[in-house]
Amino acid sequence: MNTFMSLHPNIKIRLMTSFLSRFVGNMVFPFMAIYFANEFGAATAGFLLFLNVIASLVTSFFGGYVSDHFGRKKVMVLAQAIQILAFSVMAVSNSPWFLSAFITFVMMFIQSISNGLMNPAAEAMLIDVSTEENRQFMYSVNYWSVNLSIAAGTIIGGFYFNSHRFTLFVALTMTSVLVLLLLTLFMQDSGQTRTWPRMSAPLDLIKDMGKNYRLVMTDHRFLIFCLAHLLIVSLEFQMNNYIAIRLESEFHAFLLNQSVNGLKMLSWLRVENTVLIVLFTLSVNQWMKRYRSTNILFIGLALYISGYVTLAFSNLWILLLIMIIVSSLGELMYVPICQSMVASMARENVRGSYMAVYGLVFQGAKIMGSLGVIAGAFFPSFVMAALFLTMGLAGMYCFYSSIHWLQKKSVPV
């Protein structure tokens, strides 16, 4: 508790607002694919959701650039105001008096744009006001908060999304207003605001953005690190893609006098992972302080990879339950250290741009998850396990290369 209270006020506000937004947001957004599929058809719904991902991705580059020039707080406040507008119209469009799936999609598209503005600025702000000493703890608390909010919000949304959608959108709007007030009244601006360049045409803006991102793209150690994290995170994204499909088609067991199919087993594995993350994040973080961070990182990666490699081929229920414990422990060990390393690599004057590029890791992991489904249609499970192992080992090697580079540059890890 003393460590938490010693954090910069901006960090505590961000942790609080992030939890509130994710908690209420996960009552709604995990179910929007089903909502749009029912309204427009599965193919159209998939295309609409793809547009949302692209909108957020493209806007994030602009958001990172603008936050480096205008300051983090201004961009975050603007993004939050846009979210309030989007959520309020979504609530009206799902009210007892008016229903419009099309307007709901348009507002969700706008909300995706606001997310693109918000995320790089928020991530850069956390780096601005944290230190090498407290970043690992900060990211551990953030990771715990994210998992708790997702789990709790999704459970509530599963019960009430279809029957009380209007109420959930109203709650989302009110929560966004509260978040805006907290950001406006209590958050301090951070980072070294750069002079806004003189521009006579939109082309000048694009050129100046290009200069920003050229700095990032020439930082080879950072790019190697992003590749490493992409390869590792892609394994986690296989849980809802290849692994889910494999278990559904291959797994069957008889436990506690009842038949357990692949989907039920997948649900158990997800619940087990979430419970472990929520219960043990902070205690594992305290334990990790005793050891060198790079050693913990690679041990965590080895545990994490071994867990997902096993999930790729095994149909033994006891082994699956054990290996999800192993992979969850590895996740708890490597994630905070990985995020702290990103923070140490981001150059102070273009941190927003660094965070925008780093965001590509998770978008790329989503694509890798989809490719896993395609590969799984052609290769048997033992080949997929070998591919997962290859990806994991390649990721570990890239992490090693990036860390070795950092140590040669005398940057603390």
Foldseek 3Di string as FASTA:
>chain_A
DVLVVPADLLLVLCLVLVLLLLLLVLLEVVCVQVVCCVVPNNVVSVVLVVLLVVLLLVLLLVLLVVCLAPFLLVLQLVLLVLLLVLLVVLLVCPDPVHHDPVSNSVSSSSNSSSNSNNQLSSLLVSLQRDDLVCQLVSVLSSQLSNLVSNVNNNVNSVVPCVPPVSVSSVSSSVSSVVSSCCSVPPDDTGFDHDHDDDDDDVVVVVVVSVVLVVVVVVPVLLVLLLLLLLLLVLLVLLLVFQLLVCQQPPAWDQPPNRIDGSNNLSVVLVVLLSVCSNPCLNVLSVVCVVDDLVVLQVLLLVQLLVLSLCSLADRDSVSNSVSSNSNSSSCSRNVSSSSSVLSLPQDRSSSSSSSSVSVVSVVSSNVSSNVSNVVCVPDPSNVSSVVSNVSSVSSVVSVVVSVVVCVVVVRDD
